[in-house]
Amino acid sequence: MGTISTLYRTLLLSFVILVFFLFLGCAICFAQDTDTTQPVLGHYGFAITGGTTYTPGGDIQFALLSGIGLFNHPKMWGRKPPEQLKLKVELTAGVTSGPYTRLITSANIFHLYYLRCLDTKFFHPYVEGGIGIIYTDFQVEGQGLRVNFNPQLGIGTEYHIGDTTWFSAIRLYHVSNGGLNHENTGINAVTLSLGLFFR
């Protein structure tokens, strides 16, 4: 019975991952092809991120490198979304630096919303939130899977130095399997990112 249950959860997680990547591909295609999705200035970029966990303990630190695509949002239900709403795609890889060195890799989709009421000539603040699939080459005690969901929520700002658009952001970062495995101890962390967009 336990073997069947494990097989069922593995198949379900594989299906969820497949659907996620199909959605990721469709989102990118829509963002490039619809008439509301001319890429914004500096729409591709990269970021370096540092993070530390606060539950189940503060003993895991990690560093990440992300490739980023930022697009105007495709139409939703036949309607053009607000100009300040963007679609952000991130592909990330990195390592933990303590208490052991292990691989982390993820793919995430975010909604990013510029806070135009707080704009200045040089600073463009925003809020963002999204979810993705993450693989960690380690498991904390009580964590049933190495492939998990990775919801994130954050605030940040873009700023211009010369002709370059930089950005920084702070996020709440969560890793868990959403109950697909009976062992579902989550990992919660705070991350700080610095990056830039280029044409």
N, C-alpha and C. Protein backbone atom coordinates (compact mmCIF):
# COMPACT_ATOMS: atom_id res chain seq x y z
N MET A 1 0.83 -1.21 0.00
CA MET A 1 0.00 0.00 0.00
C MET A 1 0.86 1.26 0.00
N GLY A 2 1.96 1.22 0.80
CA GLY A 2 2.85 2.37 0.84
C GLY A 2 3.51 2.61 -0.50
N THR A 3 3.87 1.53 -1.21
CA THR A 3 4.50 1.66 -2.52
C THR A 3 3.56 2.30 -3.52
N ILE A 4 2.28 1.89 -3.50
CA ILE A 4 1.28 2.47 -4.40
C ILE A 4 1.08 3.94 -4.10
N SER A 5 1.03 4.28 -2.80
CA SER A 5 0.86 5.67 -2.40
C SER A 5 2.03 6.53 -2.87
N THR A 6 3.25 6.00 -2.71
CA THR A 6 4.44 6.73 -3.16
C THR A 6 4.43 6.90 -4.67
N LEU A 7 4.05 5.86 -5.40
CA LEU A 7 3.98 5.93 -6.86
C LEU A 7 2.95 6.96 -7.29
N TYR A 8 1.78 6.97 -6.62
CA TYR A 8 0.73 7.95 -6.94
C TYR A 8 1.24 9.37 -6.75
N ARG A 9 1.91 9.63 -5.63
CA ARG A 9 2.41 10.98 -5.36
C ARG A 9 3.48 11.38 -6.38
N THR A 10 4.33 10.43 -6.74
CA THR A 10 5.37 10.72 -7.74
C THR A 10 4.76 11.05 -9.09
N LEU A 11 3.75 10.28 -9.51
CA LEU A 11 3.07 10.56 -10.77
C LEU A 11 2.35 11.89 -10.74
N LEU A 12 1.71 12.20 -9.61
CA LEU A 12 1.00 13.47 -9.48
C LEU A 12 1.97 14.64 -9.54
N LEU A 13 3.09 14.53 -8.85
CA LEU A 13 4.08 15.60 -8.88
C LEU A 13 4.66 15.77 -10.28
N SER A 14 4.91 14.66 -10.98
CA SER A 14 5.42 14.72 -12.35
C SER A 14 4.42 15.42 -13.26
N PHE A 15 3.12 15.14 -13.07
CA PHE A 15 2.09 15.79 -13.87
C PHE A 15 2.05 17.29 -13.59
N VAL A 16 2.14 17.67 -12.31
CA VAL A 16 2.13 19.09 -11.94
C VAL A 16 3.32 19.81 -12.57
N ILE A 17 4.50 19.19 -12.53
CA ILE A 17 5.69 19.78 -13.12
C ILE A 17 5.52 19.95 -14.63
N LEU A 18 4.96 18.94 -15.29
CA LEU A 18 4.72 19.01 -16.73
C LEU A 18 3.78 20.16 -17.07
N VAL A 19 2.68 20.27 -16.33
CA VAL A 19 1.71 21.34 -16.57
C VAL A 19 2.36 22.70 -16.33
N PHE A 20 3.18 22.79 -15.30
CA PHE A 20 3.85 24.06 -15.00
C PHE A 20 4.73 24.50 -16.17
N PHE A 21 5.54 23.58 -16.70
CA PHE A 21 6.44 23.96 -17.79
C PHE A 21 5.68 24.22 -19.09
N LEU A 22 4.56 23.54 -19.31
CA LEU A 22 3.72 23.87 -20.46
C LEU A 22 3.16 25.28 -20.31
N PHE A 23 2.71 25.61 -19.10
CA PHE A 23 2.21 26.96 -18.84
C PHE A 23 3.31 28.00 -19.02
N LEU A 24 4.52 27.67 -18.55
CA LEU A 24 5.66 28.57 -18.70
C LEU A 24 5.93 28.86 -20.17
N GLY A 25 5.94 27.80 -21.00
CA GLY A 25 6.17 27.98 -22.42
C GLY A 25 5.08 28.79 -23.08
N CYS A 26 3.82 28.52 -22.73
CA CYS A 26 2.70 29.27 -23.30
C CYS A 26 2.76 30.74 -22.89
N ALA A 27 3.11 30.98 -21.62
CA ALA A 27 3.19 32.37 -21.13
C ALA A 27 4.23 33.15 -21.91
N ILE A 28 5.38 32.54 -22.17
CA ILE A 28 6.43 33.21 -22.92
C ILE A 28 5.98 33.48 -24.36
N CYS A 29 5.32 32.49 -24.96
CA CYS A 29 4.84 32.67 -26.33
C CYS A 29 3.81 33.78 -26.41
N PHE A 30 2.85 33.79 -25.49
CA PHE A 30 1.84 34.85 -25.48
C PHE A 30 2.50 36.21 -25.26
N ALA A 31 3.46 36.25 -24.36
CA ALA A 31 4.12 37.51 -24.05
C ALA A 31 4.88 38.06 -25.24
N GLN A 32 5.29 37.20 -26.15
CA GLN A 32 6.04 37.65 -27.31
C GLN A 32 5.16 37.90 -28.52
N ASP A 33 3.97 37.28 -28.58
CA ASP A 33 3.20 37.29 -29.81
C ASP A 33 1.97 38.17 -29.82
N THR A 34 1.39 38.50 -28.65
CA THR A 34 0.16 39.27 -28.67
C THR A 34 0.44 40.73 -28.89
N ASP A 35 -0.58 41.47 -29.33
CA ASP A 35 -0.37 42.86 -29.68
C ASP A 35 -0.17 43.76 -28.48
N THR A 36 -0.31 43.24 -27.28
CA THR A 36 -0.10 44.06 -26.08
C THR A 36 1.24 43.76 -25.43
N THR A 37 2.12 43.08 -26.12
CA THR A 37 3.31 42.58 -25.45
C THR A 37 4.59 42.98 -26.15
N GLN A 38 4.72 44.19 -26.56
CA GLN A 38 6.03 44.65 -26.99
C GLN A 38 6.94 44.65 -25.75
N PRO A 39 8.13 44.06 -25.86
CA PRO A 39 8.98 43.96 -24.67
C PRO A 39 9.28 45.33 -24.08
N VAL A 40 9.31 45.41 -22.75
CA VAL A 40 9.64 46.66 -22.09
C VAL A 40 11.13 46.90 -22.19
N LEU A 41 11.56 48.14 -22.00
CA LEU A 41 12.97 48.49 -22.08
C LEU A 41 13.75 47.68 -21.07
N GLY A 42 14.88 47.10 -21.52
CA GLY A 42 15.68 46.29 -20.63
C GLY A 42 14.95 45.05 -20.19
N HIS A 43 14.37 44.29 -21.14
CA HIS A 43 13.46 43.22 -20.77
C HIS A 43 14.13 41.89 -20.47
N TYR A 44 15.45 41.79 -20.71
CA TYR A 44 16.18 40.59 -20.30
C TYR A 44 17.30 41.02 -19.35
N GLY A 45 17.60 40.16 -18.39
CA GLY A 45 18.63 40.53 -17.44
C GLY A 45 19.05 39.36 -16.58
N PHE A 46 19.80 39.67 -15.55
CA PHE A 46 20.22 38.63 -14.61
C PHE A 46 20.30 39.23 -13.21
N ALA A 47 20.34 38.36 -12.22
CA ALA A 47 20.41 38.80 -10.83
C ALA A 47 21.23 37.82 -10.02
N ILE A 48 21.88 38.34 -8.98
CA ILE A 48 22.51 37.50 -7.98
C ILE A 48 21.69 37.66 -6.69
N THR A 49 21.51 36.56 -6.00
CA THR A 49 20.64 36.55 -4.82
C THR A 49 21.33 35.81 -3.68
N GLY A 50 21.21 36.37 -2.50
CA GLY A 50 21.65 35.69 -1.29
C GLY A 50 20.46 35.49 -0.37
N GLY A 51 20.43 34.37 0.32
CA GLY A 51 19.30 34.10 1.21
C GLY A 51 19.71 33.32 2.43
N THR A 52 18.87 33.40 3.45
CA THR A 52 19.07 32.61 4.66
C THR A 52 17.72 32.15 5.18
N THR A 53 17.66 30.94 5.66
CA THR A 53 16.41 30.39 6.18
C THR A 53 16.13 30.92 7.57
N TYR A 54 14.83 30.97 7.91
CA TYR A 54 14.46 31.27 9.29
C TYR A 54 13.60 30.17 9.90
N THR A 55 13.04 29.29 9.09
CA THR A 55 12.44 28.04 9.57
C THR A 55 12.72 26.96 8.52
N PRO A 56 12.96 25.72 8.93
CA PRO A 56 12.89 25.20 10.29
C PRO A 56 14.05 25.64 11.18
N GLY A 57 15.08 26.27 10.61
CA GLY A 57 16.18 26.80 11.40
C GLY A 57 16.92 27.81 10.55
N GLY A 58 17.74 28.63 11.18
CA GLY A 58 18.46 29.66 10.45
C GLY A 58 19.84 29.23 10.02
N ASP A 59 20.03 27.93 9.74
CA ASP A 59 21.37 27.41 9.50
C ASP A 59 21.67 27.16 8.03
N ILE A 60 20.73 27.45 7.11
CA ILE A 60 20.97 27.22 5.69
C ILE A 60 21.10 28.57 4.99
N GLN A 61 22.25 28.81 4.38
CA GLN A 61 22.47 30.01 3.57
C GLN A 61 22.67 29.56 2.13
N PHE A 62 22.26 30.41 1.19
CA PHE A 62 22.41 30.01 -0.21
C PHE A 62 22.65 31.23 -1.08
N ALA A 63 23.25 30.98 -2.25
CA ALA A 63 23.52 32.01 -3.25
C ALA A 63 23.00 31.52 -4.59
N LEU A 64 22.34 32.41 -5.34
CA LEU A 64 21.68 32.04 -6.59
C LEU A 64 22.07 33.00 -7.70
N LEU A 65 22.06 32.49 -8.94
CA LEU A 65 22.22 33.31 -10.14
C LEU A 65 21.01 33.06 -11.02
N SER A 66 20.33 34.14 -11.42
CA SER A 66 19.07 34.02 -12.17
C SER A 66 19.16 34.71 -13.52
N GLY A 67 18.61 34.07 -14.55
CA GLY A 67 18.34 34.72 -15.82
C GLY A 67 16.88 35.13 -15.84
N ILE A 68 16.59 36.35 -16.32
CA ILE A 68 15.25 36.93 -16.17
C ILE A 68 14.73 37.43 -17.50
N GLY A 69 13.45 37.19 -17.75
CA GLY A 69 12.73 37.80 -18.86
C GLY A 69 11.54 38.57 -18.31
N LEU A 70 11.40 39.83 -18.70
CA LEU A 70 10.31 40.68 -18.24
C LEU A 70 9.50 41.12 -19.45
N PHE A 71 8.19 40.83 -19.44
CA PHE A 71 7.34 41.06 -20.60
C PHE A 71 6.09 41.85 -20.21
N ASN A 72 5.54 42.59 -21.15
CA ASN A 72 4.20 43.10 -20.96
C ASN A 72 3.26 41.92 -20.82
N HIS A 73 2.24 42.09 -20.00
CA HIS A 73 1.34 40.98 -19.71
C HIS A 73 0.39 40.73 -20.88
N PRO A 74 0.18 39.46 -21.27
CA PRO A 74 -0.79 39.17 -22.33
C PRO A 74 -2.22 39.50 -21.87
N LYS A 75 -3.12 39.56 -22.84
CA LYS A 75 -4.52 39.82 -22.52
C LYS A 75 -5.07 38.73 -21.59
N MET A 76 -5.94 39.14 -20.69
CA MET A 76 -6.60 38.21 -19.79
C MET A 76 -8.10 38.29 -20.03
N TRP A 77 -8.71 37.17 -20.39
CA TRP A 77 -10.15 37.11 -20.66
C TRP A 77 -10.55 38.16 -21.70
N GLY A 78 -9.67 38.33 -22.70
CA GLY A 78 -9.97 39.24 -23.79
C GLY A 78 -9.76 40.71 -23.47
N ARG A 79 -9.24 41.01 -22.28
CA ARG A 79 -9.05 42.41 -21.89
C ARG A 79 -7.57 42.72 -21.70
N LYS A 80 -7.20 43.93 -22.07
CA LYS A 80 -5.84 44.37 -21.88
C LYS A 80 -5.60 44.67 -20.40
N PRO A 81 -4.58 44.08 -19.78
CA PRO A 81 -4.30 44.35 -18.37
C PRO A 81 -3.70 45.74 -18.19
N PRO A 82 -3.61 46.22 -16.96
CA PRO A 82 -3.00 47.54 -16.72
C PRO A 82 -1.56 47.59 -17.23
N GLU A 83 -1.16 48.75 -17.70
CA GLU A 83 0.19 48.92 -18.25
C GLU A 83 1.26 48.59 -17.22
N GLN A 84 0.98 48.82 -15.94
CA GLN A 84 1.99 48.61 -14.91
C GLN A 84 2.12 47.14 -14.47
N LEU A 85 1.27 46.26 -15.02
CA LEU A 85 1.34 44.83 -14.69
C LEU A 85 2.21 44.11 -15.72
N LYS A 86 3.24 43.41 -15.26
CA LYS A 86 4.17 42.71 -16.13
C LYS A 86 4.23 41.23 -15.77
N LEU A 87 4.74 40.46 -16.71
CA LEU A 87 4.97 39.03 -16.50
C LEU A 87 6.47 38.80 -16.46
N LYS A 88 6.92 38.15 -15.40
CA LYS A 88 8.34 37.94 -15.18
C LYS A 88 8.63 36.44 -15.11
N VAL A 89 9.63 36.00 -15.85
CA VAL A 89 10.04 34.60 -15.86
C VAL A 89 11.48 34.52 -15.37
N GLU A 90 11.75 33.62 -14.44
CA GLU A 90 13.10 33.46 -13.89
C GLU A 90 13.55 32.01 -13.96
N LEU A 91 14.76 31.79 -14.42
CA LEU A 91 15.42 30.49 -14.37
C LEU A 91 16.64 30.66 -13.48
N THR A 92 16.74 29.84 -12.44
CA THR A 92 17.71 30.08 -11.37
C THR A 92 18.51 28.83 -11.06
N ALA A 93 19.80 29.02 -10.76
CA ALA A 93 20.64 27.93 -10.26
C ALA A 93 21.57 28.51 -9.20
N GLY A 94 21.91 27.68 -8.22
CA GLY A 94 22.80 28.14 -7.17
C GLY A 94 23.19 27.03 -6.23
N VAL A 95 23.80 27.42 -5.13
CA VAL A 95 24.28 26.44 -4.15
C VAL A 95 24.01 26.95 -2.74
N THR A 96 23.91 26.02 -1.83
CA THR A 96 23.91 26.38 -0.41
C THR A 96 25.37 26.56 0.02
N SER A 97 25.59 27.47 0.95
CA SER A 97 26.94 27.70 1.44
C SER A 97 27.11 27.26 2.88
N GLY A 98 26.05 26.81 3.48
CA GLY A 98 26.12 26.33 4.85
C GLY A 98 24.77 25.73 5.23
N PRO A 99 24.78 24.69 6.02
CA PRO A 99 25.94 24.02 6.65
C PRO A 99 26.66 23.05 5.72
N TYR A 100 26.16 22.87 4.47
CA TYR A 100 26.79 21.99 3.50
C TYR A 100 26.61 22.63 2.13
N THR A 101 27.36 22.15 1.16
CA THR A 101 27.28 22.69 -0.20
C THR A 101 26.42 21.75 -1.05
N ARG A 102 25.27 22.27 -1.51
CA ARG A 102 24.34 21.47 -2.30
C ARG A 102 23.75 22.34 -3.41
N LEU A 103 23.28 21.69 -4.46
CA LEU A 103 22.71 22.36 -5.63
C LEU A 103 21.27 22.78 -5.38
N ILE A 104 20.90 23.96 -5.93
CA ILE A 104 19.52 24.43 -5.98
C ILE A 104 19.25 24.91 -7.40
N THR A 105 18.12 24.52 -7.98
CA THR A 105 17.73 25.05 -9.29
C THR A 105 16.21 25.18 -9.34
N SER A 106 15.72 26.21 -10.04
CA SER A 106 14.28 26.44 -10.07
C SER A 106 13.87 27.19 -11.32
N ALA A 107 12.58 27.12 -11.63
CA ALA A 107 11.95 27.91 -12.69
C ALA A 107 10.69 28.52 -12.10
N ASN A 108 10.52 29.84 -12.25
CA ASN A 108 9.43 30.56 -11.60
C ASN A 108 8.76 31.54 -12.54
N ILE A 109 7.48 31.78 -12.31
CA ILE A 109 6.71 32.81 -13.02
C ILE A 109 6.16 33.78 -11.97
N PHE A 110 6.29 35.08 -12.26
CA PHE A 110 5.82 36.11 -11.34
C PHE A 110 4.89 37.08 -12.06
N HIS A 111 3.97 37.65 -11.30
CA HIS A 111 3.32 38.89 -11.69
C HIS A 111 4.07 40.02 -10.99
N LEU A 112 4.43 41.03 -11.75
CA LEU A 112 5.13 42.19 -11.20
C LEU A 112 4.27 43.42 -11.47
N TYR A 113 4.06 44.23 -10.43
CA TYR A 113 3.18 45.40 -10.53
C TYR A 113 3.95 46.64 -10.08
N TYR A 114 4.15 47.57 -11.03
CA TYR A 114 4.85 48.81 -10.70
C TYR A 114 3.95 49.74 -9.90
N LEU A 115 4.49 50.32 -8.85
CA LEU A 115 3.75 51.26 -8.00
C LEU A 115 3.97 52.67 -8.55
N ARG A 116 3.24 53.01 -9.60
CA ARG A 116 3.47 54.27 -10.30
C ARG A 116 3.27 55.48 -9.39
N CYS A 117 2.43 55.34 -8.38
CA CYS A 117 2.20 56.47 -7.46
C CYS A 117 3.45 56.82 -6.66
N LEU A 118 4.43 55.91 -6.61
CA LEU A 118 5.66 56.15 -5.86
C LEU A 118 6.86 56.39 -6.77
N ASP A 119 6.62 56.43 -8.08
CA ASP A 119 7.70 56.65 -9.04
C ASP A 119 8.42 57.97 -8.81
N THR A 120 9.71 57.96 -9.06
CA THR A 120 10.49 59.20 -9.16
C THR A 120 11.24 59.14 -10.49
N LYS A 121 12.05 60.13 -10.73
CA LYS A 121 12.79 60.17 -11.97
C LYS A 121 13.74 58.98 -12.10
N PHE A 122 14.29 58.51 -10.98
CA PHE A 122 15.30 57.47 -11.01
C PHE A 122 14.84 56.14 -10.42
N PHE A 123 13.82 56.16 -9.56
CA PHE A 123 13.39 54.95 -8.87
C PHE A 123 11.98 54.54 -9.30
N HIS A 124 11.81 53.24 -9.51
CA HIS A 124 10.52 52.70 -9.94
C HIS A 124 10.18 51.48 -9.07
N PRO A 125 9.53 51.71 -7.92
CA PRO A 125 9.23 50.60 -7.01
C PRO A 125 8.15 49.67 -7.55
N TYR A 126 8.17 48.43 -7.06
CA TYR A 126 7.19 47.44 -7.51
C TYR A 126 6.98 46.39 -6.43
N VAL A 127 5.89 45.67 -6.57
CA VAL A 127 5.63 44.47 -5.77
C VAL A 127 5.55 43.29 -6.74
N GLU A 128 5.85 42.10 -6.26
CA GLU A 128 5.83 40.94 -7.13
C GLU A 128 5.48 39.69 -6.33
N GLY A 129 4.88 38.75 -7.01
CA GLY A 129 4.55 37.49 -6.38
C GLY A 129 4.41 36.42 -7.45
N GLY A 130 4.78 35.20 -7.11
CA GLY A 130 4.68 34.12 -8.08
C GLY A 130 5.00 32.77 -7.47
N ILE A 131 5.09 31.79 -8.34
CA ILE A 131 5.34 30.42 -7.88
C ILE A 131 6.14 29.69 -8.95
N GLY A 132 6.81 28.64 -8.54
CA GLY A 132 7.58 27.85 -9.49
C GLY A 132 7.84 26.46 -8.94
N ILE A 133 8.70 25.76 -9.66
CA ILE A 133 9.15 24.43 -9.27
C ILE A 133 10.63 24.52 -8.92
N ILE A 134 11.01 23.92 -7.81
CA ILE A 134 12.40 23.98 -7.35
C ILE A 134 12.92 22.58 -7.05
N TYR A 135 14.19 22.35 -7.39
CA TYR A 135 14.89 21.12 -7.00
C TYR A 135 16.00 21.49 -6.04
N THR A 136 16.05 20.82 -4.90
CA THR A 136 17.13 21.02 -3.94
C THR A 136 17.85 19.69 -3.74
N ASP A 137 19.16 19.71 -3.80
CA ASP A 137 19.95 18.50 -3.65
C ASP A 137 20.18 18.18 -2.17
N PHE A 138 19.15 18.45 -1.38
CA PHE A 138 19.19 18.14 0.04
C PHE A 138 17.74 18.13 0.54
N GLN A 139 17.53 17.57 1.69
CA GLN A 139 16.22 17.58 2.35
C GLN A 139 16.43 17.85 3.83
N VAL A 140 15.62 18.76 4.38
CA VAL A 140 15.63 18.95 5.82
C VAL A 140 14.82 17.82 6.45
N GLU A 141 14.95 17.67 7.74
CA GLU A 141 14.22 16.60 8.44
C GLU A 141 12.71 16.80 8.26
N GLY A 142 12.03 15.75 7.82
CA GLY A 142 10.59 15.83 7.62
C GLY A 142 10.18 16.35 6.26
N GLN A 143 11.13 16.58 5.37
CA GLN A 143 10.82 17.04 4.01
C GLN A 143 10.83 15.83 3.10
N GLY A 144 9.67 15.50 2.53
CA GLY A 144 9.53 14.24 1.82
C GLY A 144 10.09 14.20 0.43
N LEU A 145 10.25 15.35 -0.23
CA LEU A 145 10.66 15.38 -1.64
C LEU A 145 11.79 16.38 -1.85
N ARG A 146 12.53 16.16 -2.93
CA ARG A 146 13.54 17.13 -3.34
C ARG A 146 13.02 18.07 -4.44
N VAL A 147 11.97 17.68 -5.11
CA VAL A 147 11.30 18.56 -6.09
C VAL A 147 10.05 19.11 -5.42
N ASN A 148 9.96 20.42 -5.31
CA ASN A 148 8.91 21.06 -4.52
C ASN A 148 8.37 22.30 -5.22
N PHE A 149 7.33 22.88 -4.63
CA PHE A 149 6.82 24.17 -5.08
C PHE A 149 7.62 25.28 -4.41
N ASN A 150 7.65 26.46 -5.07
CA ASN A 150 8.50 27.54 -4.60
C ASN A 150 7.79 28.91 -4.72
N PRO A 151 6.73 29.12 -3.93
CA PRO A 151 6.08 30.44 -3.95
C PRO A 151 6.98 31.51 -3.34
N GLN A 152 6.89 32.72 -3.91
CA GLN A 152 7.68 33.84 -3.42
C GLN A 152 6.85 35.12 -3.48
N LEU A 153 7.15 36.04 -2.58
CA LEU A 153 6.47 37.33 -2.51
C LEU A 153 7.51 38.39 -2.16
N GLY A 154 7.51 39.51 -2.90
CA GLY A 154 8.56 40.48 -2.61
C GLY A 154 8.22 41.90 -3.00
N ILE A 155 9.12 42.79 -2.62
CA ILE A 155 9.06 44.20 -3.02
C ILE A 155 10.44 44.57 -3.56
N GLY A 156 10.47 45.53 -4.47
CA GLY A 156 11.75 45.92 -5.04
C GLY A 156 11.65 47.26 -5.72
N THR A 157 12.73 47.66 -6.34
CA THR A 157 12.74 48.89 -7.11
C THR A 157 13.75 48.77 -8.25
N GLU A 158 13.42 49.41 -9.35
CA GLU A 158 14.37 49.59 -10.44
C GLU A 158 14.96 50.99 -10.30
N TYR A 159 16.20 51.16 -10.72
CA TYR A 159 16.81 52.47 -10.71
C TYR A 159 17.81 52.56 -11.85
N HIS A 160 18.00 53.78 -12.34
CA HIS A 160 18.80 54.00 -13.54
C HIS A 160 20.13 54.64 -13.16
N ILE A 161 21.21 54.02 -13.63
CA ILE A 161 22.55 54.59 -13.50
C ILE A 161 23.12 54.67 -14.91
N GLY A 162 23.20 55.88 -15.43
CA GLY A 162 23.58 56.04 -16.82
C GLY A 162 22.52 55.45 -17.73
N ASP A 163 22.95 54.59 -18.64
CA ASP A 163 22.01 53.94 -19.56
C ASP A 163 21.58 52.56 -19.07
N THR A 164 21.98 52.20 -17.86
CA THR A 164 21.71 50.86 -17.34
C THR A 164 20.59 50.90 -16.33
N THR A 165 19.68 49.93 -16.43
CA THR A 165 18.60 49.78 -15.46
C THR A 165 18.97 48.67 -14.47
N TRP A 166 19.20 49.04 -13.23
CA TRP A 166 19.48 48.09 -12.16
C TRP A 166 18.22 47.85 -11.35
N PHE A 167 18.22 46.80 -10.57
CA PHE A 167 17.10 46.57 -9.66
C PHE A 167 17.59 45.83 -8.43
N SER A 168 16.87 46.00 -7.35
CA SER A 168 17.11 45.24 -6.13
C SER A 168 15.76 44.86 -5.54
N ALA A 169 15.73 43.74 -4.84
CA ALA A 169 14.46 43.24 -4.30
C ALA A 169 14.71 42.40 -3.05
N ILE A 170 13.75 42.41 -2.17
CA ILE A 170 13.74 41.52 -1.01
C ILE A 170 12.48 40.67 -1.10
N ARG A 171 12.63 39.37 -0.82
CA ARG A 171 11.51 38.44 -0.98
C ARG A 171 11.40 37.50 0.21
N LEU A 172 10.16 37.07 0.44
CA LEU A 172 9.88 35.91 1.29
C LEU A 172 9.86 34.70 0.37
N TYR A 173 10.52 33.63 0.78
CA TYR A 173 10.85 32.51 -0.10
C TYR A 173 10.44 31.22 0.61
N HIS A 174 9.59 30.42 -0.03
CA HIS A 174 9.04 29.23 0.61
C HIS A 174 9.27 28.00 -0.27
N VAL A 175 9.58 26.89 0.36
CA VAL A 175 9.76 25.61 -0.35
C VAL A 175 8.96 24.54 0.37
N SER A 176 8.02 23.89 -0.33
CA SER A 176 7.30 22.75 0.25
C SER A 176 6.62 21.99 -0.89
N ASN A 177 6.11 20.80 -0.58
CA ASN A 177 5.51 19.98 -1.64
C ASN A 177 3.99 20.11 -1.71
N GLY A 178 3.41 21.01 -0.94
CA GLY A 178 1.97 21.24 -1.04
C GLY A 178 1.12 20.06 -0.61
N GLY A 179 1.68 19.19 0.22
CA GLY A 179 0.92 18.03 0.69
C GLY A 179 0.95 16.84 -0.25
N LEU A 180 1.79 16.88 -1.30
CA LEU A 180 1.90 15.73 -2.20
C LEU A 180 2.59 14.55 -1.52
N ASN A 181 3.33 14.84 -0.46
CA ASN A 181 3.94 13.80 0.34
C ASN A 181 3.54 14.02 1.79
N HIS A 182 3.35 12.93 2.55
CA HIS A 182 2.89 13.10 3.93
C HIS A 182 3.95 13.79 4.79
N GLU A 183 5.23 13.74 4.36
CA GLU A 183 6.27 14.51 5.03
C GLU A 183 6.41 15.83 4.28
N ASN A 184 6.02 16.92 4.92
CA ASN A 184 5.95 18.19 4.20
C ASN A 184 6.46 19.34 5.07
N THR A 185 7.62 19.13 5.70
CA THR A 185 8.24 20.23 6.43
C THR A 185 8.69 21.29 5.42
N GLY A 186 8.23 22.51 5.61
CA GLY A 186 8.57 23.57 4.67
C GLY A 186 9.87 24.26 5.06
N ILE A 187 10.49 24.89 4.05
CA ILE A 187 11.65 25.74 4.27
C ILE A 187 11.22 27.17 3.98
N ASN A 188 11.46 28.08 4.91
CA ASN A 188 11.14 29.49 4.72
C ASN A 188 12.42 30.31 4.84
N ALA A 189 12.56 31.28 3.93
CA ALA A 189 13.79 32.07 3.89
C ALA A 189 13.47 33.51 3.50
N VAL A 190 14.43 34.37 3.73
CA VAL A 190 14.40 35.75 3.23
C VAL A 190 15.56 35.89 2.26
N THR A 191 15.29 36.51 1.09
CA THR A 191 16.33 36.68 0.09
C THR A 191 16.50 38.16 -0.26
N LEU A 192 17.69 38.50 -0.68
CA LEU A 192 18.00 39.84 -1.16
C LEU A 192 18.68 39.70 -2.52
N SER A 193 18.16 40.40 -3.53
CA SER A 193 18.66 40.28 -4.90
C SER A 193 19.16 41.62 -5.42
N LEU A 194 20.17 41.54 -6.28
CA LEU A 194 20.66 42.69 -7.02
C LEU A 194 20.89 42.24 -8.45
N GLY A 195 20.38 43.04 -9.41
CA GLY A 195 20.52 42.63 -10.80
C GLY A 195 20.44 43.81 -11.74
N LEU A 196 20.51 43.50 -13.03
CA LEU A 196 20.39 44.54 -14.03
C LEU A 196 19.68 44.00 -15.26
N PHE A 197 19.04 44.92 -15.98
CA PHE A 197 18.42 44.61 -17.26
C PHE A 197 19.29 45.16 -18.38
N PHE A 198 19.30 44.45 -19.49
CA PHE A 198 20.01 44.92 -20.66
C PHE A 198 19.13 44.70 -21.88
N ARG A 199 19.40 45.37 -22.98
CA ARG A 199 18.56 45.28 -24.16
C ARG A 199 18.84 44.01 -24.93
